[in-house]
Amino acid sequence: MKPKIILILAFLPLSLLRADAPPVYNAAFDTAVSAAIVQIQTIQPGQTRKDLLKLFDYEGGLQSREANHFIYRKSNLIKVDVKFKAVGPATRIEFEGNPNDVITSISKPYLEFSFID
C-alpha cells in the first residue's frame, strides 16, 4: 500500500506542472499575423474589386455580386466580408462581378474554417 501512495505523490507535482504551464509565446507567429493584419488593412472602401483580389480570393458558399466572403490568399482561415457598389456589367459569372466594382464596406478580418462546396 505504501509504495502506491509514494508513486502517486511522486507524479502529482508533474501533473500540476503541466496543467499550470503558461502558453509558449511565439514571436515568429506574432510577426506573421501582424504582417497579415497590416496588409489586409490596406484594403479600404473606395477601392475596387480588382484591388481586393490582389490579396483575397472568393470563398465557396452562396455569394452575390453586391456582397461576398473572401479568404486571404496567404491563409484560408483569415476572412473578410465585403460589400460592393456595382459598376458596369458583370463579367463571367454574375457573383464575380466586375473588376471595377467599388468596395463600399469591408469587415475586420476574422478567423473561420473554410467552407467546402
N, C-alpha and C. Protein backbone atom coordinates (compact mmCIF):
# COMPACT_ATOMS: atom_id res chain seq x y z
N MET A 1 0.82 -1.20 0.00
CA MET A 1 0.00 0.00 0.00
C MET A 1 0.86 1.25 0.00
N LYS A 2 1.90 1.23 0.81
CA LYS A 2 2.76 2.38 0.94
C LYS A 2 3.46 2.74 -0.38
N PRO A 3 3.96 1.78 -1.20
CA PRO A 3 4.60 2.13 -2.47
C PRO A 3 3.64 2.83 -3.44
N LYS A 4 2.36 2.47 -3.44
CA LYS A 4 1.39 3.11 -4.34
C LYS A 4 1.21 4.59 -3.98
N ILE A 5 1.15 4.88 -2.68
CA ILE A 5 0.99 6.27 -2.23
C ILE A 5 2.23 7.08 -2.60
N ILE A 6 3.40 6.50 -2.43
CA ILE A 6 4.64 7.20 -2.78
C ILE A 6 4.67 7.47 -4.28
N LEU A 7 4.27 6.48 -5.08
CA LEU A 7 4.25 6.64 -6.53
C LEU A 7 3.27 7.75 -6.94
N ILE A 8 2.09 7.77 -6.37
CA ILE A 8 1.10 8.81 -6.67
C ILE A 8 1.63 10.19 -6.27
N LEU A 9 2.21 10.29 -5.08
CA LEU A 9 2.75 11.57 -4.63
C LEU A 9 3.92 12.04 -5.49
N ALA A 10 4.66 11.08 -6.05
CA ALA A 10 5.80 11.44 -6.90
C ALA A 10 5.33 12.06 -8.22
N PHE A 11 4.22 11.56 -8.79
CA PHE A 11 3.75 12.06 -10.09
C PHE A 11 2.77 13.23 -9.97
N LEU A 12 2.24 13.48 -8.81
CA LEU A 12 1.30 14.58 -8.62
C LEU A 12 1.89 15.94 -9.00
N PRO A 13 3.10 16.29 -8.57
CA PRO A 13 3.66 17.59 -8.97
C PRO A 13 3.84 17.72 -10.49
N LEU A 14 4.17 16.62 -11.17
CA LEU A 14 4.32 16.68 -12.63
C LEU A 14 2.99 16.99 -13.31
N SER A 15 1.91 16.39 -12.84
CA SER A 15 0.61 16.66 -13.45
C SER A 15 0.16 18.10 -13.18
N LEU A 16 0.46 18.62 -12.03
CA LEU A 16 0.12 20.02 -11.72
C LEU A 16 0.96 20.98 -12.56
N LEU A 17 2.21 20.64 -12.77
CA LEU A 17 3.08 21.49 -13.57
C LEU A 17 2.57 21.60 -15.00
N ARG A 18 2.13 20.50 -15.58
CA ARG A 18 1.63 20.51 -16.96
C ARG A 18 0.33 21.29 -17.07
N ALA A 19 -0.54 21.19 -16.08
CA ALA A 19 -1.83 21.88 -16.14
C ALA A 19 -1.67 23.39 -15.99
N ASP A 20 -0.67 23.81 -15.24
CA ASP A 20 -0.49 25.24 -14.97
C ASP A 20 0.53 25.91 -15.88
N ALA A 21 1.09 25.16 -16.81
CA ALA A 21 2.14 25.72 -17.66
C ALA A 21 1.55 26.83 -18.54
N PRO A 22 2.18 27.99 -18.56
CA PRO A 22 1.67 29.09 -19.40
C PRO A 22 1.90 28.77 -20.89
N PRO A 23 1.09 29.33 -21.77
CA PRO A 23 1.31 29.12 -23.20
C PRO A 23 2.67 29.67 -23.61
N VAL A 24 3.25 29.04 -24.58
CA VAL A 24 4.57 29.45 -25.06
C VAL A 24 4.39 30.57 -26.08
N TYR A 25 5.04 31.70 -25.84
CA TYR A 25 4.98 32.84 -26.76
C TYR A 25 5.79 32.51 -28.00
N ASN A 26 5.22 32.81 -29.16
CA ASN A 26 5.88 32.52 -30.42
C ASN A 26 6.02 33.83 -31.21
N ALA A 27 7.18 34.42 -31.16
CA ALA A 27 7.42 35.72 -31.81
C ALA A 27 7.24 35.64 -33.32
N ALA A 28 7.65 34.53 -33.93
CA ALA A 28 7.51 34.39 -35.38
C ALA A 28 6.04 34.36 -35.79
N PHE A 29 5.21 33.71 -34.99
CA PHE A 29 3.78 33.67 -35.27
C PHE A 29 3.18 35.07 -35.17
N ASP A 30 3.55 35.80 -34.11
CA ASP A 30 3.08 37.18 -33.94
C ASP A 30 3.49 38.05 -35.12
N THR A 31 4.71 37.88 -35.58
CA THR A 31 5.20 38.67 -36.71
C THR A 31 4.39 38.37 -37.97
N ALA A 32 4.10 37.10 -38.22
CA ALA A 32 3.33 36.72 -39.41
C ALA A 32 1.90 37.25 -39.34
N VAL A 33 1.27 37.14 -38.18
CA VAL A 33 -0.10 37.64 -38.01
C VAL A 33 -0.12 39.15 -38.14
N SER A 34 0.85 39.84 -37.55
CA SER A 34 0.92 41.30 -37.65
C SER A 34 1.08 41.75 -39.10
N ALA A 35 1.94 41.06 -39.84
CA ALA A 35 2.14 41.40 -41.25
C ALA A 35 0.85 41.21 -42.04
N ALA A 36 0.10 40.14 -41.74
CA ALA A 36 -1.17 39.90 -42.43
C ALA A 36 -2.16 41.02 -42.13
N ILE A 37 -2.26 41.42 -40.86
CA ILE A 37 -3.21 42.47 -40.48
C ILE A 37 -2.85 43.78 -41.19
N VAL A 38 -1.59 44.13 -41.19
CA VAL A 38 -1.14 45.37 -41.84
C VAL A 38 -1.50 45.33 -43.33
N GLN A 39 -1.24 44.21 -43.97
CA GLN A 39 -1.53 44.09 -45.40
C GLN A 39 -3.04 44.15 -45.67
N ILE A 40 -3.82 43.47 -44.86
CA ILE A 40 -5.28 43.46 -45.03
C ILE A 40 -5.85 44.86 -44.83
N GLN A 41 -5.31 45.63 -43.89
CA GLN A 41 -5.82 46.96 -43.63
C GLN A 41 -5.54 47.95 -44.77
N THR A 42 -4.76 47.56 -45.76
CA THR A 42 -4.55 48.43 -46.91
C THR A 42 -5.77 48.47 -47.82
N ILE A 43 -6.66 47.50 -47.68
CA ILE A 43 -7.89 47.48 -48.48
C ILE A 43 -8.95 48.31 -47.76
N GLN A 44 -9.46 49.33 -48.44
CA GLN A 44 -10.39 50.27 -47.83
C GLN A 44 -11.58 50.52 -48.75
N PRO A 45 -12.72 50.98 -48.19
CA PRO A 45 -13.83 51.41 -49.04
C PRO A 45 -13.35 52.45 -50.04
N GLY A 46 -13.89 52.38 -51.25
CA GLY A 46 -13.48 53.28 -52.32
C GLY A 46 -12.55 52.60 -53.31
N GLN A 47 -11.86 51.54 -52.85
CA GLN A 47 -11.02 50.78 -53.77
C GLN A 47 -11.90 49.83 -54.57
N THR A 48 -11.30 49.14 -55.51
CA THR A 48 -12.06 48.28 -56.42
C THR A 48 -11.93 46.80 -56.07
N ARG A 49 -12.80 46.01 -56.68
CA ARG A 49 -12.74 44.56 -56.56
C ARG A 49 -11.37 44.05 -57.02
N LYS A 50 -10.85 44.68 -58.08
CA LYS A 50 -9.53 44.30 -58.61
C LYS A 50 -8.45 44.48 -57.54
N ASP A 51 -8.51 45.57 -56.77
CA ASP A 51 -7.55 45.80 -55.68
C ASP A 51 -7.67 44.71 -54.62
N LEU A 52 -8.90 44.37 -54.26
CA LEU A 52 -9.16 43.36 -53.24
C LEU A 52 -8.61 42.00 -53.66
N LEU A 53 -8.81 41.65 -54.93
CA LEU A 53 -8.41 40.33 -55.41
C LEU A 53 -6.90 40.14 -55.50
N LYS A 54 -6.13 41.19 -55.26
CA LYS A 54 -4.67 41.03 -55.17
C LYS A 54 -4.29 40.31 -53.87
N LEU A 55 -5.10 40.49 -52.83
CA LEU A 55 -4.82 39.88 -51.52
C LEU A 55 -5.79 38.76 -51.15
N PHE A 56 -6.97 38.76 -51.75
CA PHE A 56 -8.02 37.83 -51.36
C PHE A 56 -8.53 37.05 -52.56
N ASP A 57 -9.22 35.94 -52.24
CA ASP A 57 -9.87 35.14 -53.26
C ASP A 57 -11.29 34.87 -52.80
N TYR A 58 -12.16 34.49 -53.74
CA TYR A 58 -13.54 34.17 -53.39
C TYR A 58 -13.57 32.92 -52.53
N GLU A 59 -14.48 32.92 -51.55
CA GLU A 59 -14.69 31.74 -50.75
C GLU A 59 -15.88 30.98 -51.32
N GLY A 60 -15.94 29.70 -51.06
CA GLY A 60 -17.08 28.91 -51.50
C GLY A 60 -18.34 29.34 -50.77
N GLY A 61 -19.44 28.75 -51.13
CA GLY A 61 -20.71 29.07 -50.49
C GLY A 61 -21.50 30.06 -51.34
N LEU A 62 -22.64 30.46 -50.81
CA LEU A 62 -23.51 31.39 -51.54
C LEU A 62 -22.88 32.77 -51.60
N GLN A 63 -22.86 33.34 -52.77
CA GLN A 63 -22.27 34.66 -52.98
C GLN A 63 -23.21 35.49 -53.85
N SER A 64 -23.01 36.78 -53.85
CA SER A 64 -23.73 37.66 -54.76
C SER A 64 -22.75 38.71 -55.25
N ARG A 65 -23.14 39.43 -56.27
CA ARG A 65 -22.25 40.47 -56.79
C ARG A 65 -22.06 41.59 -55.77
N GLU A 66 -23.10 41.88 -54.99
CA GLU A 66 -23.06 43.01 -54.07
C GLU A 66 -22.36 42.70 -52.75
N ALA A 67 -22.31 41.44 -52.34
CA ALA A 67 -21.70 41.09 -51.06
C ALA A 67 -21.05 39.71 -51.16
N ASN A 68 -19.83 39.62 -50.72
CA ASN A 68 -19.10 38.36 -50.79
C ASN A 68 -18.27 38.13 -49.55
N HIS A 69 -17.94 36.86 -49.33
CA HIS A 69 -16.96 36.45 -48.32
C HIS A 69 -15.68 36.18 -49.08
N PHE A 70 -14.57 36.67 -48.56
CA PHE A 70 -13.28 36.46 -49.21
C PHE A 70 -12.30 35.85 -48.23
N ILE A 71 -11.39 35.02 -48.75
CA ILE A 71 -10.34 34.42 -47.94
C ILE A 71 -9.01 35.03 -48.32
N TYR A 72 -8.20 35.27 -47.33
CA TYR A 72 -6.87 35.84 -47.52
C TYR A 72 -6.01 34.81 -48.26
N ARG A 73 -5.31 35.23 -49.29
CA ARG A 73 -4.54 34.30 -50.12
C ARG A 73 -3.44 33.57 -49.35
N LYS A 74 -2.91 34.17 -48.29
CA LYS A 74 -1.83 33.54 -47.53
C LYS A 74 -2.33 32.62 -46.43
N SER A 75 -3.63 32.64 -46.13
CA SER A 75 -4.23 31.75 -45.12
C SER A 75 -5.72 31.67 -45.35
N ASN A 76 -6.22 30.49 -45.68
CA ASN A 76 -7.65 30.30 -45.92
C ASN A 76 -8.48 30.44 -44.65
N LEU A 77 -7.83 30.61 -43.51
CA LEU A 77 -8.55 30.78 -42.25
C LEU A 77 -8.86 32.24 -41.95
N ILE A 78 -8.20 33.16 -42.63
CA ILE A 78 -8.44 34.60 -42.42
C ILE A 78 -9.42 35.08 -43.47
N LYS A 79 -10.50 35.70 -43.03
CA LYS A 79 -11.57 36.09 -43.95
C LYS A 79 -12.03 37.53 -43.70
N VAL A 80 -12.66 38.08 -44.72
CA VAL A 80 -13.35 39.36 -44.60
C VAL A 80 -14.66 39.28 -45.37
N ASP A 81 -15.62 40.07 -44.96
CA ASP A 81 -16.88 40.22 -45.68
C ASP A 81 -16.85 41.59 -46.35
N VAL A 82 -17.19 41.62 -47.63
CA VAL A 82 -17.07 42.85 -48.41
C VAL A 82 -18.38 43.13 -49.13
N LYS A 83 -18.78 44.41 -49.13
CA LYS A 83 -19.94 44.86 -49.90
C LYS A 83 -19.44 45.78 -51.00
N PHE A 84 -20.11 45.69 -52.16
CA PHE A 84 -19.70 46.44 -53.34
C PHE A 84 -20.84 47.26 -53.91
N LYS A 85 -20.47 48.31 -54.62
CA LYS A 85 -21.39 49.05 -55.49
C LYS A 85 -21.04 48.59 -56.90
N ALA A 86 -22.04 48.03 -57.59
CA ALA A 86 -21.82 47.51 -58.93
C ALA A 86 -21.49 48.64 -59.90
N VAL A 87 -20.50 48.39 -60.75
CA VAL A 87 -20.09 49.35 -61.78
C VAL A 87 -20.06 48.60 -63.10
N GLY A 88 -20.92 48.99 -64.04
CA GLY A 88 -20.93 48.34 -65.34
C GLY A 88 -21.46 46.92 -65.28
N PRO A 89 -21.44 46.24 -66.42
CA PRO A 89 -21.97 44.87 -66.46
C PRO A 89 -21.04 43.89 -65.75
N ALA A 90 -21.63 42.79 -65.29
CA ALA A 90 -20.83 41.73 -64.66
C ALA A 90 -20.01 41.03 -65.74
N THR A 91 -18.91 40.47 -65.33
CA THR A 91 -18.10 39.69 -66.24
C THR A 91 -18.14 38.24 -65.81
N ARG A 92 -18.01 37.34 -66.74
CA ARG A 92 -18.02 35.90 -66.47
C ARG A 92 -19.22 35.51 -65.61
N ILE A 93 -18.97 34.98 -64.44
CA ILE A 93 -20.05 34.54 -63.55
C ILE A 93 -20.58 35.76 -62.80
N GLU A 94 -21.88 35.85 -62.65
CA GLU A 94 -22.51 37.03 -62.05
C GLU A 94 -21.92 37.40 -60.69
N PHE A 95 -21.74 36.44 -59.78
CA PHE A 95 -21.28 36.81 -58.44
C PHE A 95 -19.85 37.35 -58.45
N GLU A 96 -19.08 37.05 -59.49
CA GLU A 96 -17.72 37.58 -59.56
C GLU A 96 -17.72 39.06 -59.92
N GLY A 97 -18.85 39.55 -60.39
CA GLY A 97 -18.98 40.97 -60.65
C GLY A 97 -18.05 41.50 -61.71
N ASN A 98 -17.65 42.74 -61.53
CA ASN A 98 -16.81 43.45 -62.47
C ASN A 98 -15.58 43.91 -61.69
N PRO A 99 -14.37 43.81 -62.25
CA PRO A 99 -13.17 44.24 -61.53
C PRO A 99 -13.24 45.70 -61.06
N ASN A 100 -14.09 46.50 -61.70
CA ASN A 100 -14.21 47.91 -61.34
C ASN A 100 -15.28 48.19 -60.28
N ASP A 101 -16.00 47.15 -59.82
CA ASP A 101 -16.96 47.34 -58.73
C ASP A 101 -16.24 48.00 -57.56
N VAL A 102 -16.92 48.91 -56.88
CA VAL A 102 -16.30 49.70 -55.80
C VAL A 102 -16.66 49.11 -54.44
N ILE A 103 -15.67 48.96 -53.58
CA ILE A 103 -15.89 48.48 -52.22
C ILE A 103 -16.60 49.58 -51.43
N THR A 104 -17.75 49.23 -50.85
CA THR A 104 -18.47 50.19 -50.00
C THR A 104 -18.21 49.92 -48.52
N SER A 105 -17.92 48.66 -48.17
CA SER A 105 -17.55 48.34 -46.79
C SER A 105 -16.78 47.03 -46.76
N ILE A 106 -15.89 46.93 -45.79
CA ILE A 106 -15.11 45.71 -45.58
C ILE A 106 -15.05 45.47 -44.08
N SER A 107 -15.31 44.23 -43.68
CA SER A 107 -15.30 43.89 -42.26
C SER A 107 -13.87 43.82 -41.74
N LYS A 108 -13.75 43.79 -40.43
CA LYS A 108 -12.45 43.49 -39.84
C LYS A 108 -12.13 42.03 -40.17
N PRO A 109 -10.86 41.70 -40.31
CA PRO A 109 -10.53 40.30 -40.57
C PRO A 109 -10.94 39.42 -39.40
N TYR A 110 -11.38 38.20 -39.72
CA TYR A 110 -11.76 37.25 -38.68
C TYR A 110 -11.28 35.86 -39.07
N LEU A 111 -11.23 34.97 -38.08
CA LEU A 111 -10.77 33.61 -38.31
C LEU A 111 -11.98 32.68 -38.37
N GLU A 112 -11.95 31.77 -39.35
CA GLU A 112 -13.01 30.80 -39.50
C GLU A 112 -12.52 29.69 -40.42
N PHE A 113 -12.96 28.46 -40.16
CA PHE A 113 -12.61 27.38 -41.06
C PHE A 113 -13.27 27.61 -42.41
N SER A 114 -12.67 27.08 -43.47
CA SER A 114 -13.18 27.27 -44.83
C SER A 114 -14.46 26.46 -45.06
N PHE A 115 -15.29 27.01 -45.92
CA PHE A 115 -16.48 26.31 -46.38
C PHE A 115 -16.10 25.47 -47.58
N ILE A 116 -16.69 24.30 -47.69
CA ILE A 116 -16.42 23.45 -48.84
C ILE A 116 -17.71 23.26 -49.60
N ASP A 117 -17.69 23.56 -50.89
CA ASP A 117 -18.88 23.37 -51.74
C ASP A 117 -18.96 21.94 -52.21
